[in-house]
Amino acid sequence: MALVRPHGKDRTLKVLLVHDEEKEEQLKRAEGLKKVPINSR
């Protein structure tokens, strides 16, 4: 299976993994976001 080239204005791959130090900060930030209920239907 081949990778799909990124599209959009950046056209670059983005690193989505964070290191342990930044992980705690991102988790705290995520707690403040609005929760959206999702179901399978």
N, C-alpha and C. Protein backbone atom coordinates (compact mmCIF):
# COMPACT_ATOMS: atom_id res chain seq x y z
N MET A 1 0.85 -1.17 0.00
CA MET A 1 0.00 0.00 0.00
C MET A 1 0.90 1.24 0.00
N ALA A 2 0.65 2.15 -0.89
CA ALA A 2 1.45 3.37 -0.99
C ALA A 2 0.85 4.47 -0.13
N LEU A 3 1.70 5.37 0.33
CA LEU A 3 1.22 6.52 1.09
C LEU A 3 0.65 7.56 0.14
N VAL A 4 -0.38 8.24 0.57
CA VAL A 4 -0.98 9.31 -0.22
C VAL A 4 -0.21 10.59 0.05
N ARG A 5 0.14 11.31 -1.00
CA ARG A 5 0.86 12.57 -0.82
C ARG A 5 -0.03 13.56 -0.07
N PRO A 6 0.56 14.36 0.82
CA PRO A 6 -0.23 15.36 1.54
C PRO A 6 -0.80 16.38 0.56
N HIS A 7 -2.00 16.87 0.85
CA HIS A 7 -2.60 17.88 -0.01
C HIS A 7 -2.98 19.09 0.84
N GLY A 8 -3.31 20.16 0.21
CA GLY A 8 -3.58 21.41 0.92
C GLY A 8 -2.46 22.38 0.65
N LYS A 9 -2.52 23.54 1.31
CA LYS A 9 -1.53 24.58 1.00
C LYS A 9 -0.13 24.25 1.50
N ASP A 10 -0.01 23.48 2.60
CA ASP A 10 1.32 23.18 3.15
C ASP A 10 2.05 22.11 2.34
N ARG A 11 1.34 21.06 1.98
CA ARG A 11 1.90 19.92 1.25
C ARG A 11 3.13 19.32 1.93
N THR A 12 3.13 19.35 3.24
CA THR A 12 4.21 18.73 4.00
C THR A 12 3.60 17.81 5.06
N LEU A 13 4.34 16.79 5.42
CA LEU A 13 3.88 15.90 6.49
C LEU A 13 4.07 16.59 7.83
N LYS A 14 3.13 16.38 8.74
CA LYS A 14 3.21 16.98 10.06
C LYS A 14 3.43 15.89 11.10
N VAL A 15 4.35 16.11 12.00
CA VAL A 15 4.60 15.17 13.08
C VAL A 15 3.50 15.37 14.12
N LEU A 16 2.74 14.32 14.39
CA LEU A 16 1.62 14.43 15.32
C LEU A 16 1.92 13.82 16.68
N LEU A 17 3.07 13.17 16.83
CA LEU A 17 3.46 12.62 18.12
C LEU A 17 4.13 13.71 18.95
N VAL A 18 3.87 13.71 20.25
CA VAL A 18 4.50 14.70 21.13
C VAL A 18 5.35 13.97 22.17
N HIS A 19 6.34 14.66 22.67
CA HIS A 19 7.21 14.09 23.71
C HIS A 19 6.49 14.15 25.05
N ASP A 20 7.00 13.43 26.03
CA ASP A 20 6.35 13.32 27.33
C ASP A 20 6.10 14.67 27.99
N GLU A 21 7.07 15.60 27.87
CA GLU A 21 6.91 16.91 28.51
C GLU A 21 5.71 17.65 27.90
N GLU A 22 5.61 17.62 26.60
CA GLU A 22 4.53 18.34 25.92
C GLU A 22 3.20 17.60 26.04
N LYS A 23 3.26 16.29 26.25
CA LYS A 23 2.05 15.48 26.34
C LYS A 23 1.16 15.93 27.48
N GLU A 24 1.75 16.17 28.65
CA GLU A 24 0.97 16.62 29.80
C GLU A 24 0.28 17.95 29.51
N GLU A 25 1.01 18.85 28.87
CA GLU A 25 0.45 20.16 28.53
C GLU A 25 -0.72 20.01 27.55
N GLN A 26 -0.56 19.15 26.57
CA GLN A 26 -1.62 18.94 25.58
C GLN A 26 -2.84 18.26 26.20
N LEU A 27 -2.63 17.35 27.14
CA LEU A 27 -3.76 16.70 27.81
C LEU A 27 -4.55 17.71 28.64
N LYS A 28 -3.87 18.62 29.32
CA LYS A 28 -4.56 19.66 30.09
C LYS A 28 -5.35 20.56 29.16
N ARG A 29 -4.76 20.88 28.02
CA ARG A 29 -5.44 21.73 27.04
C ARG A 29 -6.69 21.02 26.50
N ALA A 30 -6.58 19.72 26.26
CA ALA A 30 -7.69 18.94 25.71
C ALA A 30 -8.86 18.86 26.69
N GLU A 31 -8.57 18.86 27.98
CA GLU A 31 -9.63 18.79 28.98
C GLU A 31 -10.55 19.99 28.90
N GLY A 32 -10.03 21.13 28.45
CA GLY A 32 -10.83 22.35 28.35
C GLY A 32 -11.65 22.46 27.08
N LEU A 33 -11.46 21.53 26.14
CA LEU A 33 -12.21 21.59 24.89
C LEU A 33 -13.63 21.08 25.07
N LYS A 34 -14.52 21.57 24.23
CA LYS A 34 -15.91 21.14 24.27
C LYS A 34 -16.00 19.68 23.83
N LYS A 35 -16.76 18.88 24.56
CA LYS A 35 -16.94 17.47 24.22
C LYS A 35 -18.15 17.34 23.29
N VAL A 36 -17.95 16.67 22.18
CA VAL A 36 -19.00 16.48 21.20
C VAL A 36 -19.43 15.02 21.21
N PRO A 37 -20.70 14.75 21.53
CA PRO A 37 -21.15 13.36 21.55
C PRO A 37 -21.21 12.80 20.12
N ILE A 38 -20.74 11.58 19.97
CA ILE A 38 -20.74 10.92 18.66
C ILE A 38 -21.31 9.53 18.83
N ASN A 39 -22.18 9.14 17.90
CA ASN A 39 -22.68 7.77 17.93
C ASN A 39 -22.46 7.14 16.56
N SER A 40 -22.76 5.87 16.44
CA SER A 40 -22.49 5.14 15.20
C SER A 40 -23.58 5.31 14.15
N ARG A 41 -24.64 5.99 14.48
CA ARG A 41 -25.72 6.16 13.51
C ARG A 41 -25.75 7.53 13.04
